[in-house]
């Protein structure tokens, strides 16, 4: 099974900043949607809150304090994932220069599991060898393969004809990630 993921957070550094929302779309291997869900996590550390990040995703500290507590939301997330399957290919739209394990969304999700002492569940649900990104290593490769000048999510949304007014909301960005992946698979099969 495949798990498409996008996370919005209180800042740009996993393990320092906190996940606020995490959206998932689960598909089978043929990319037929099985389920989708969004989880919200109440932040605990105001001193790490980034106003720069807030300007991007639109959440305020006061508004995020209304989210469910992190422990119960993480437990709900784990239970939901196990109710559908037990091992997923983790796919997000993020770039890492060093390795696929340094992807922003992957690290934020790992931090959630780590804080709740659920590391073994994380590795069972998202084996390292199944971590993927829809981003290529170079702009040149993206231009040659897909005819895009930028790998930014908004560029992909424009290419695929997806309304991008909800950009930086995890539900929307997860959906765009899935559509990018589908497009990439179609191009690869041609």
N, C-alpha and C. Protein backbone atom coordinates (compact mmCIF):
# COMPACT_ATOMS: atom_id res chain seq x y z
N UNK A 1 0.84 -1.18 0.00
CA UNK A 1 0.00 0.00 0.00
C UNK A 1 0.88 1.24 0.00
N UNK A 2 0.31 2.33 -0.50
CA UNK A 2 1.03 3.59 -0.55
C UNK A 2 0.35 4.60 0.37
N UNK A 3 1.18 5.40 1.01
CA UNK A 3 0.69 6.42 1.94
C UNK A 3 1.27 7.76 1.51
N UNK A 4 0.42 8.63 0.98
CA UNK A 4 0.83 9.96 0.57
C UNK A 4 0.63 10.88 1.77
N UNK A 5 1.64 11.72 2.04
CA UNK A 5 1.66 12.47 3.30
C UNK A 5 2.06 13.92 3.06
N UNK A 6 1.44 14.82 3.79
CA UNK A 6 1.93 16.19 3.89
C UNK A 6 1.71 16.66 5.31
N UNK A 7 2.70 17.37 5.82
CA UNK A 7 2.66 17.87 7.19
C UNK A 7 2.90 19.36 7.19
N UNK A 8 2.10 20.08 7.94
CA UNK A 8 2.35 21.49 8.22
C UNK A 8 2.82 21.56 9.67
N UNK A 9 3.78 22.45 9.93
CA UNK A 9 4.39 22.45 11.26
C UNK A 9 4.59 23.86 11.78
N UNK A 10 5.04 23.92 13.03
CA UNK A 10 5.25 25.21 13.69
C UNK A 10 6.56 25.86 13.27
N UNK A 11 7.32 25.20 12.42
CA UNK A 11 8.59 25.74 11.95
C UNK A 11 9.21 24.81 10.92
N UNK A 12 10.44 25.07 10.61
CA UNK A 12 11.08 24.39 9.47
C UNK A 12 12.08 23.31 9.87
N UNK A 13 12.25 23.05 11.16
CA UNK A 13 13.27 22.11 11.61
C UNK A 13 12.61 20.96 12.39
N UNK A 14 12.53 19.77 11.79
CA UNK A 14 11.98 18.62 12.53
C UNK A 14 12.78 18.38 13.82
N UNK A 15 12.12 17.90 14.83
CA UNK A 15 12.65 17.65 16.18
C UNK A 15 12.82 18.93 16.98
N UNK A 16 12.78 20.09 16.34
CA UNK A 16 12.77 21.36 17.07
C UNK A 16 11.35 21.92 17.03
N UNK A 17 10.77 21.92 15.83
CA UNK A 17 9.42 22.43 15.65
C UNK A 17 8.44 21.27 15.63
N UNK A 18 7.17 21.59 15.84
CA UNK A 18 6.16 20.55 16.01
C UNK A 18 5.21 20.43 14.82
N UNK A 19 4.82 19.21 14.52
CA UNK A 19 3.79 18.99 13.50
C UNK A 19 2.48 19.56 14.03
N UNK A 20 1.75 20.25 13.18
CA UNK A 20 0.44 20.79 13.54
C UNK A 20 -0.68 20.01 12.86
N UNK A 21 -0.50 19.73 11.57
CA UNK A 21 -1.46 18.91 10.84
C UNK A 21 -0.70 17.88 10.01
N UNK A 22 -1.28 16.72 9.88
CA UNK A 22 -0.72 15.67 9.03
C UNK A 22 -1.87 15.06 8.26
N UNK A 23 -1.77 15.12 6.94
CA UNK A 23 -2.82 14.56 6.08
C UNK A 23 -2.27 13.36 5.32
N UNK A 24 -3.14 12.36 5.17
CA UNK A 24 -2.75 11.10 4.55
C UNK A 24 -3.79 10.69 3.52
N UNK A 25 -3.32 10.17 2.41
CA UNK A 25 -4.19 9.48 1.46
C UNK A 25 -3.57 8.10 1.28
N UNK A 26 -4.35 7.07 1.56
CA UNK A 26 -3.89 5.69 1.41
C UNK A 26 -4.43 5.14 0.10
N UNK A 27 -3.55 4.49 -0.66
CA UNK A 27 -3.96 3.87 -1.93
C UNK A 27 -3.45 2.43 -1.98
N UNK A 28 -4.02 1.69 -2.90
CA UNK A 28 -3.45 0.37 -3.18
C UNK A 28 -2.32 0.57 -4.19
N UNK A 29 -1.71 -0.51 -4.64
CA UNK A 29 -0.58 -0.41 -5.56
C UNK A 29 -0.98 0.16 -6.93
N UNK A 30 -2.27 0.08 -7.27
CA UNK A 30 -2.74 0.65 -8.54
C UNK A 30 -3.21 2.10 -8.37
N UNK A 31 -2.92 2.66 -7.21
CA UNK A 31 -3.23 4.06 -6.87
C UNK A 31 -4.72 4.33 -6.74
N UNK A 32 -5.49 3.29 -6.46
CA UNK A 32 -6.91 3.48 -6.14
C UNK A 32 -6.99 3.88 -4.67
N UNK A 33 -7.71 4.96 -4.42
CA UNK A 33 -7.79 5.47 -3.05
C UNK A 33 -8.59 4.54 -2.15
N UNK A 34 -8.03 4.30 -0.98
CA UNK A 34 -8.67 3.45 0.02
C UNK A 34 -9.28 4.29 1.13
N UNK A 35 -8.51 5.29 1.58
CA UNK A 35 -8.99 6.13 2.66
C UNK A 35 -8.14 7.40 2.70
N UNK A 36 -8.66 8.42 3.37
CA UNK A 36 -7.88 9.62 3.62
C UNK A 36 -8.29 10.21 4.95
N UNK A 37 -7.35 10.87 5.58
CA UNK A 37 -7.63 11.40 6.91
C UNK A 37 -6.61 12.49 7.24
N UNK A 38 -7.05 13.45 8.04
CA UNK A 38 -6.17 14.50 8.53
C UNK A 38 -6.21 14.50 10.05
N UNK A 39 -5.04 14.64 10.63
CA UNK A 39 -4.91 14.70 12.08
C UNK A 39 -4.32 16.04 12.46
N UNK A 40 -4.77 16.58 13.59
CA UNK A 40 -4.25 17.85 14.10
C UNK A 40 -3.60 17.58 15.45
N UNK A 41 -2.55 18.35 15.73
CA UNK A 41 -1.77 18.15 16.95
C UNK A 41 -1.57 19.50 17.64
N UNK A 42 -2.01 19.57 18.89
CA UNK A 42 -1.83 20.81 19.65
C UNK A 42 -0.34 21.01 19.96
N UNK A 43 0.22 22.16 19.61
CA UNK A 43 1.64 22.41 19.92
C UNK A 43 1.84 22.58 21.42
N UNK A 44 3.05 22.26 21.86
CA UNK A 44 3.36 22.34 23.29
C UNK A 44 4.41 23.39 23.61
N UNK A 45 5.15 23.87 22.61
CA UNK A 45 6.30 24.75 22.86
C UNK A 45 6.16 26.08 22.13
N UNK A 46 5.65 27.08 22.83
CA UNK A 46 5.49 28.38 22.17
C UNK A 46 6.82 29.00 21.81
N UNK A 47 7.88 28.72 22.58
CA UNK A 47 9.17 29.35 22.30
C UNK A 47 9.79 28.87 20.98
N UNK A 48 9.28 27.78 20.40
CA UNK A 48 9.79 27.33 19.10
C UNK A 48 8.82 27.68 17.96
N UNK A 49 7.73 28.37 18.29
CA UNK A 49 6.75 28.75 17.26
C UNK A 49 7.38 29.74 16.30
N UNK A 50 7.29 29.47 15.00
CA UNK A 50 7.86 30.35 13.99
C UNK A 50 6.76 31.15 13.30
N UNK A 51 6.85 32.46 13.42
CA UNK A 51 5.88 33.31 12.73
C UNK A 51 6.06 33.22 11.21
N UNK A 52 7.27 32.92 10.76
CA UNK A 52 7.49 32.72 9.32
C UNK A 52 6.70 31.51 8.82
N UNK A 53 6.73 30.43 9.58
CA UNK A 53 5.96 29.24 9.20
C UNK A 53 4.47 29.54 9.28
N UNK A 54 4.06 30.26 10.32
CA UNK A 54 2.64 30.60 10.48
C UNK A 54 2.14 31.44 9.30
N UNK A 55 2.99 32.31 8.79
CA UNK A 55 2.61 33.12 7.64
C UNK A 55 2.38 32.25 6.40
N UNK A 56 3.03 31.09 6.35
CA UNK A 56 2.87 30.19 5.21
C UNK A 56 1.60 29.36 5.34
N UNK A 57 1.42 28.69 6.48
CA UNK A 57 0.27 27.78 6.61
C UNK A 57 -0.98 28.44 7.16
N UNK A 58 -0.84 29.61 7.76
CA UNK A 58 -2.01 30.37 8.20
C UNK A 58 -2.54 30.06 9.59
N UNK A 59 -1.93 29.14 10.33
CA UNK A 59 -2.38 28.87 11.69
C UNK A 59 -1.76 29.89 12.65
N UNK A 60 -2.55 30.32 13.60
CA UNK A 60 -2.00 31.15 14.67
C UNK A 60 -1.77 30.25 15.88
N UNK A 61 -0.97 30.72 16.81
CA UNK A 61 -0.71 29.96 18.03
C UNK A 61 -2.03 29.68 18.76
N UNK A 62 -2.86 30.72 18.92
CA UNK A 62 -4.13 30.55 19.64
C UNK A 62 -5.05 29.57 18.94
N UNK A 63 -5.08 29.61 17.62
CA UNK A 63 -5.92 28.70 16.86
C UNK A 63 -5.40 27.26 16.98
N UNK A 64 -4.07 27.08 16.97
CA UNK A 64 -3.48 25.74 17.09
C UNK A 64 -3.69 25.14 18.48
N UNK A 65 -3.85 26.01 19.49
CA UNK A 65 -4.10 25.49 20.84
C UNK A 65 -5.46 24.80 20.96
N UNK A 66 -6.32 25.00 19.99
CA UNK A 66 -7.63 24.34 19.98
C UNK A 66 -7.57 22.94 19.38
N UNK A 67 -6.43 22.56 18.80
CA UNK A 67 -6.27 21.23 18.22
C UNK A 67 -6.26 20.17 19.33
N UNK A 68 -6.59 18.93 19.00
CA UNK A 68 -6.51 17.85 19.99
C UNK A 68 -5.07 17.67 20.48
N UNK A 69 -4.93 17.13 21.70
CA UNK A 69 -3.59 16.95 22.23
C UNK A 69 -2.80 15.96 21.38
N UNK A 70 -1.48 16.14 21.41
CA UNK A 70 -0.58 15.38 20.54
C UNK A 70 -0.63 13.88 20.82
N UNK A 71 -0.70 13.50 22.09
CA UNK A 71 -0.68 12.08 22.42
C UNK A 71 -1.91 11.36 21.88
N UNK A 72 -3.08 11.91 22.10
CA UNK A 72 -4.30 11.23 21.62
C UNK A 72 -4.37 11.25 20.09
N UNK A 73 -3.93 12.35 19.46
CA UNK A 73 -3.95 12.39 18.00
C UNK A 73 -2.97 11.40 17.40
N UNK A 74 -1.80 11.26 18.01
CA UNK A 74 -0.83 10.28 17.51
C UNK A 74 -1.35 8.87 17.68
N UNK A 75 -1.98 8.59 18.81
CA UNK A 75 -2.59 7.27 19.04
C UNK A 75 -3.68 7.00 18.00
N UNK A 76 -4.53 8.00 17.74
CA UNK A 76 -5.58 7.85 16.72
C UNK A 76 -4.97 7.58 15.34
N UNK A 77 -3.89 8.29 15.03
CA UNK A 77 -3.20 8.10 13.75
C UNK A 77 -2.68 6.66 13.62
N UNK A 78 -2.00 6.19 14.64
CA UNK A 78 -1.45 4.83 14.60
C UNK A 78 -2.56 3.80 14.47
N UNK A 79 -3.61 3.94 15.26
CA UNK A 79 -4.73 2.99 15.19
C UNK A 79 -5.38 3.01 13.81
N UNK A 80 -5.53 4.20 13.24
CA UNK A 80 -6.13 4.31 11.90
C UNK A 80 -5.25 3.61 10.87
N UNK A 81 -3.96 3.87 10.90
CA UNK A 81 -3.06 3.24 9.93
C UNK A 81 -3.11 1.71 10.03
N UNK A 82 -3.09 1.18 11.25
CA UNK A 82 -3.16 -0.28 11.43
C UNK A 82 -4.51 -0.84 11.02
N UNK A 83 -5.56 -0.04 11.12
CA UNK A 83 -6.89 -0.54 10.74
C UNK A 83 -7.00 -0.75 9.23
N UNK A 84 -6.14 -0.09 8.47
CA UNK A 84 -6.20 -0.18 7.01
C UNK A 84 -5.12 -1.13 6.48
N UNK A 85 -3.95 -1.14 7.07
CA UNK A 85 -2.85 -1.97 6.60
C UNK A 85 -1.77 -2.05 7.66
N UNK A 86 -0.63 -2.65 7.30
CA UNK A 86 0.42 -2.75 8.30
C UNK A 86 1.80 -2.36 7.80
N UNK A 87 1.90 -1.96 6.52
CA UNK A 87 3.17 -1.50 5.98
C UNK A 87 2.87 -0.68 4.73
N UNK A 88 3.47 0.50 4.67
CA UNK A 88 3.16 1.44 3.60
C UNK A 88 4.43 1.96 2.93
N UNK A 89 4.32 2.28 1.66
CA UNK A 89 5.33 3.11 1.01
C UNK A 89 4.99 4.54 1.39
N UNK A 90 5.94 5.24 1.99
CA UNK A 90 5.77 6.62 2.44
C UNK A 90 6.15 7.53 1.28
N UNK A 91 5.22 8.36 0.80
CA UNK A 91 5.49 9.22 -0.35
C UNK A 91 5.11 10.65 -0.01
N UNK A 92 6.05 11.56 -0.20
CA UNK A 92 5.77 12.98 0.04
C UNK A 92 6.42 13.81 -1.06
N UNK A 93 6.14 15.08 -1.08
CA UNK A 93 6.74 15.99 -2.05
C UNK A 93 7.74 16.86 -1.29
N UNK A 94 8.94 16.34 -1.13
CA UNK A 94 9.99 17.06 -0.41
C UNK A 94 11.33 16.65 -0.98
N UNK A 95 12.29 17.53 -0.86
CA UNK A 95 13.62 17.27 -1.39
C UNK A 95 14.61 17.18 -0.25
N UNK A 96 15.47 16.20 -0.33
CA UNK A 96 16.57 16.07 0.61
C UNK A 96 17.84 15.89 -0.19
N UNK A 97 18.82 16.65 0.12
CA UNK A 97 20.11 16.55 -0.59
C UNK A 97 20.90 15.33 -0.13
N UNK A 98 20.68 14.85 1.09
CA UNK A 98 21.54 13.79 1.61
C UNK A 98 20.94 12.39 1.49
N UNK A 99 19.69 12.22 1.88
CA UNK A 99 19.07 10.89 1.76
C UNK A 99 17.57 11.03 1.87
N UNK A 100 16.87 9.99 1.42
CA UNK A 100 15.41 10.04 1.48
C UNK A 100 14.91 10.05 2.92
N UNK A 101 15.74 9.62 3.87
CA UNK A 101 15.32 9.61 5.27
C UNK A 101 15.36 10.99 5.89
N UNK A 102 15.91 11.96 5.19
CA UNK A 102 15.95 13.34 5.69
C UNK A 102 14.82 14.19 5.14
N UNK A 103 13.82 13.58 4.57
CA UNK A 103 12.68 14.33 4.05
C UNK A 103 11.92 14.99 5.20
N UNK A 104 11.54 16.23 4.99
CA UNK A 104 10.86 17.03 6.00
C UNK A 104 9.66 16.30 6.62
N UNK A 105 8.76 15.82 5.79
CA UNK A 105 7.53 15.19 6.29
C UNK A 105 7.84 13.89 7.04
N UNK A 106 8.77 13.12 6.52
CA UNK A 106 9.17 11.86 7.15
C UNK A 106 9.74 12.12 8.54
N UNK A 107 10.60 13.12 8.66
CA UNK A 107 11.20 13.42 9.96
C UNK A 107 10.18 13.95 10.96
N UNK A 108 9.26 14.78 10.49
CA UNK A 108 8.22 15.28 11.40
C UNK A 108 7.33 14.14 11.89
N UNK A 109 6.98 13.23 11.01
CA UNK A 109 6.17 12.10 11.42
C UNK A 109 6.94 11.21 12.39
N UNK A 110 8.21 10.98 12.09
CA UNK A 110 9.03 10.20 13.01
C UNK A 110 9.09 10.86 14.39
N UNK A 111 9.23 12.18 14.43
CA UNK A 111 9.28 12.90 15.71
C UNK A 111 8.00 12.69 16.52
N UNK A 112 6.84 12.69 15.85
CA UNK A 112 5.58 12.44 16.55
C UNK A 112 5.59 11.06 17.21
N UNK A 113 6.01 10.04 16.46
CA UNK A 113 6.06 8.68 16.99
C UNK A 113 7.11 8.59 18.10
N UNK A 114 8.24 9.23 17.92
CA UNK A 114 9.33 9.22 18.90
C UNK A 114 8.85 9.78 20.23
N UNK A 115 8.19 10.92 20.19
CA UNK A 115 7.72 11.57 21.42
C UNK A 115 6.74 10.70 22.19
N UNK A 116 6.00 9.86 21.49
CA UNK A 116 5.03 8.99 22.14
C UNK A 116 5.59 7.58 22.38
N UNK A 117 6.91 7.45 22.21
CA UNK A 117 7.61 6.16 22.39
C UNK A 117 6.99 5.06 21.52
N UNK A 118 6.74 5.41 20.27
CA UNK A 118 6.13 4.49 19.31
C UNK A 118 7.05 4.27 18.10
N UNK A 119 8.37 4.29 18.33
CA UNK A 119 9.32 4.12 17.23
C UNK A 119 9.15 2.80 16.50
N UNK A 120 8.91 1.73 17.24
CA UNK A 120 8.77 0.42 16.57
C UNK A 120 7.55 0.43 15.65
N UNK A 121 6.47 1.10 16.05
CA UNK A 121 5.30 1.22 15.17
C UNK A 121 5.66 2.01 13.92
N UNK A 122 6.42 3.07 14.08
CA UNK A 122 6.82 3.88 12.93
C UNK A 122 7.57 3.03 11.91
N UNK A 123 8.57 2.29 12.37
CA UNK A 123 9.38 1.49 11.44
C UNK A 123 8.59 0.33 10.84
N UNK A 124 7.63 -0.18 11.57
CA UNK A 124 6.78 -1.25 11.03
C UNK A 124 5.85 -0.68 9.94
N UNK A 125 5.27 0.48 10.21
CA UNK A 125 4.34 1.09 9.26
C UNK A 125 5.05 1.69 8.04
N UNK A 126 6.22 2.26 8.27
CA UNK A 126 6.94 2.98 7.20
C UNK A 126 8.38 2.49 7.10
N UNK A 127 8.60 1.29 6.56
CA UNK A 127 9.97 0.77 6.45
C UNK A 127 10.86 1.73 5.64
N UNK A 128 12.08 1.89 6.09
CA UNK A 128 12.99 2.85 5.47
C UNK A 128 13.16 2.63 3.97
N UNK A 129 13.18 1.38 3.54
CA UNK A 129 13.41 1.10 2.12
C UNK A 129 12.21 1.47 1.26
N UNK A 130 11.09 1.86 1.87
CA UNK A 130 9.90 2.23 1.11
C UNK A 130 9.62 3.73 1.15
N UNK A 131 10.60 4.53 1.55
CA UNK A 131 10.42 5.98 1.61
C UNK A 131 10.72 6.56 0.23
N UNK A 132 9.78 7.37 -0.28
CA UNK A 132 9.92 7.95 -1.62
C UNK A 132 9.54 9.43 -1.60
N UNK A 133 10.02 10.13 -2.61
CA UNK A 133 9.63 11.51 -2.82
C UNK A 133 9.26 11.70 -4.29
N UNK A 134 8.38 12.63 -4.55
CA UNK A 134 8.02 12.94 -5.93
C UNK A 134 8.99 13.94 -6.55
N UNK A 135 9.94 14.41 -5.78
CA UNK A 135 10.91 15.38 -6.30
C UNK A 135 12.15 14.68 -6.83
N UNK A 136 12.65 15.18 -7.93
CA UNK A 136 13.89 14.67 -8.51
C UNK A 136 15.07 15.43 -7.92
N UNK A 137 16.25 14.90 -8.10
CA UNK A 137 17.45 15.51 -7.52
C UNK A 137 17.84 16.83 -8.18
N UNK A 138 17.48 17.00 -9.46
CA UNK A 138 17.93 18.23 -10.13
C UNK A 138 16.81 18.87 -10.94
N UNK A 139 16.93 20.18 -11.08
CA UNK A 139 15.99 20.95 -11.89
C UNK A 139 16.08 20.51 -13.36
N UNK A 140 17.29 20.23 -13.81
CA UNK A 140 17.50 19.81 -15.19
C UNK A 140 16.77 18.51 -15.49
N UNK A 141 16.85 17.57 -14.58
CA UNK A 141 16.16 16.29 -14.76
C UNK A 141 14.64 16.49 -14.79
N UNK A 142 14.13 17.37 -13.94
CA UNK A 142 12.70 17.66 -13.93
C UNK A 142 12.26 18.31 -15.25
N UNK A 143 13.10 19.20 -15.78
CA UNK A 143 12.79 19.83 -17.07
C UNK A 143 12.77 18.79 -18.19
N UNK A 144 13.76 17.92 -18.20
CA UNK A 144 13.86 16.92 -19.27
C UNK A 144 12.73 15.89 -19.19
N UNK A 145 12.46 15.40 -18.00
CA UNK A 145 11.44 14.35 -17.86
C UNK A 145 10.02 14.85 -17.95
N UNK A 146 9.76 15.98 -17.27
CA UNK A 146 8.37 16.40 -17.10
C UNK A 146 8.05 17.77 -17.67
N UNK A 147 9.04 18.47 -18.21
CA UNK A 147 8.79 19.76 -18.83
C UNK A 147 8.39 20.85 -17.86
N UNK A 148 8.93 20.80 -16.65
CA UNK A 148 8.62 21.85 -15.66
C UNK A 148 9.90 22.60 -15.32
N UNK A 149 9.76 23.90 -15.07
CA UNK A 149 10.92 24.73 -14.74
C UNK A 149 11.25 24.70 -13.25
N UNK A 150 10.32 24.29 -12.45
CA UNK A 150 10.51 24.26 -11.00
C UNK A 150 9.79 23.03 -10.45
N UNK A 151 10.34 22.46 -9.41
CA UNK A 151 9.69 21.32 -8.78
C UNK A 151 8.80 21.74 -7.61
N UNK A 152 8.64 23.02 -7.42
CA UNK A 152 7.79 23.50 -6.34
C UNK A 152 6.36 22.98 -6.54
N UNK A 153 5.67 22.76 -5.46
CA UNK A 153 4.32 22.20 -5.52
C UNK A 153 3.39 23.06 -6.38
N UNK A 154 3.54 24.37 -6.28
CA UNK A 154 2.67 25.25 -7.07
C UNK A 154 2.93 25.10 -8.57
N UNK A 155 4.17 24.82 -8.96
CA UNK A 155 4.47 24.59 -10.38
C UNK A 155 3.81 23.32 -10.87
N UNK A 156 3.86 22.28 -10.04
CA UNK A 156 3.21 21.03 -10.40
C UNK A 156 1.69 21.21 -10.49
N UNK A 157 1.12 21.92 -9.51
CA UNK A 157 -0.33 22.14 -9.53
C UNK A 157 -0.74 22.85 -10.83
N UNK A 158 0.04 23.84 -11.23
CA UNK A 158 -0.26 24.55 -12.46
C UNK A 158 -0.17 23.60 -13.66
N UNK A 159 0.89 22.81 -13.73
CA UNK A 159 1.07 21.88 -14.86
C UNK A 159 -0.08 20.89 -14.93
N UNK A 160 -0.54 20.43 -13.78
CA UNK A 160 -1.59 19.40 -13.74
C UNK A 160 -2.99 19.99 -13.73
N UNK A 161 -3.11 21.32 -13.77
CA UNK A 161 -4.42 21.96 -13.80
C UNK A 161 -5.18 21.87 -12.50
N UNK A 162 -4.45 21.89 -11.39
CA UNK A 162 -5.06 21.79 -10.06
C UNK A 162 -5.14 23.18 -9.44
N UNK A 163 -6.33 23.54 -8.95
CA UNK A 163 -6.50 24.81 -8.24
C UNK A 163 -5.58 24.80 -7.02
N UNK A 164 -4.78 25.84 -6.88
CA UNK A 164 -3.77 25.86 -5.83
C UNK A 164 -4.04 26.91 -4.76
N UNK A 165 -5.28 27.37 -4.66
CA UNK A 165 -5.58 28.41 -3.67
C UNK A 165 -5.44 27.89 -2.23
N UNK A 166 -5.47 26.59 -2.04
CA UNK A 166 -5.34 26.02 -0.69
C UNK A 166 -3.93 25.51 -0.40
N UNK A 167 -2.97 25.96 -1.19
CA UNK A 167 -1.58 25.54 -1.00
C UNK A 167 -1.13 25.80 0.44
N UNK A 168 -0.37 24.91 0.98
CA UNK A 168 0.13 24.92 2.36
C UNK A 168 -0.96 24.56 3.37
N UNK A 169 -2.00 23.92 2.90
CA UNK A 169 -2.93 23.23 3.79
C UNK A 169 -2.69 21.75 3.50
N UNK A 170 -2.45 20.98 4.55
CA UNK A 170 -1.96 19.62 4.36
C UNK A 170 -2.89 18.74 3.52
N UNK A 171 -4.21 18.92 3.63
CA UNK A 171 -5.13 18.11 2.82
C UNK A 171 -4.90 18.36 1.33
N UNK A 172 -4.80 19.62 0.97
CA UNK A 172 -4.59 20.00 -0.42
C UNK A 172 -3.25 19.49 -0.92
N UNK A 173 -2.19 19.74 -0.16
CA UNK A 173 -0.85 19.39 -0.62
C UNK A 173 -0.67 17.87 -0.73
N UNK A 174 -1.35 17.11 0.12
CA UNK A 174 -1.31 15.65 0.00
C UNK A 174 -1.98 15.21 -1.30
N UNK A 175 -3.10 15.83 -1.63
CA UNK A 175 -3.80 15.51 -2.87
C UNK A 175 -2.92 15.85 -4.08
N UNK A 176 -2.25 16.99 -4.07
CA UNK A 176 -1.38 17.36 -5.17
C UNK A 176 -0.22 16.36 -5.28
N UNK A 177 0.33 15.93 -4.15
CA UNK A 177 1.40 14.93 -4.16
C UNK A 177 0.94 13.65 -4.85
N UNK A 178 -0.25 13.19 -4.52
CA UNK A 178 -0.80 11.99 -5.17
C UNK A 178 -0.92 12.20 -6.68
N UNK A 179 -1.42 13.34 -7.09
CA UNK A 179 -1.59 13.61 -8.52
C UNK A 179 -0.24 13.70 -9.23
N UNK A 180 0.75 14.27 -8.57
CA UNK A 180 2.10 14.31 -9.14
C UNK A 180 2.62 12.89 -9.34
N UNK A 181 2.45 12.06 -8.33
CA UNK A 181 2.93 10.68 -8.40
C UNK A 181 2.24 9.93 -9.55
N UNK A 182 0.92 10.10 -9.67
CA UNK A 182 0.20 9.45 -10.77
C UNK A 182 0.74 9.89 -12.12
N UNK A 183 0.95 11.20 -12.27
CA UNK A 183 1.49 11.72 -13.52
C UNK A 183 2.87 11.14 -13.81
N UNK A 184 3.72 11.10 -12.79
CA UNK A 184 5.06 10.56 -12.98
C UNK A 184 5.02 9.09 -13.38
N UNK A 185 4.10 8.34 -12.79
CA UNK A 185 3.97 6.94 -13.16
C UNK A 185 3.50 6.78 -14.60
N UNK A 186 2.57 7.62 -15.03
CA UNK A 186 2.09 7.56 -16.42
C UNK A 186 3.21 7.87 -17.40
N UNK A 187 4.02 8.89 -17.09
CA UNK A 187 5.13 9.26 -17.97
C UNK A 187 6.15 8.12 -18.02
N UNK A 188 6.41 7.50 -16.91
CA UNK A 188 7.39 6.40 -16.84
C UNK A 188 6.92 5.22 -17.66
N UNK A 189 5.62 4.96 -17.68
CA UNK A 189 5.09 3.81 -18.42
C UNK A 189 5.05 4.03 -19.93
N UNK A 190 5.15 5.29 -20.36
CA UNK A 190 5.09 5.58 -21.81
C UNK A 190 6.38 5.19 -22.50
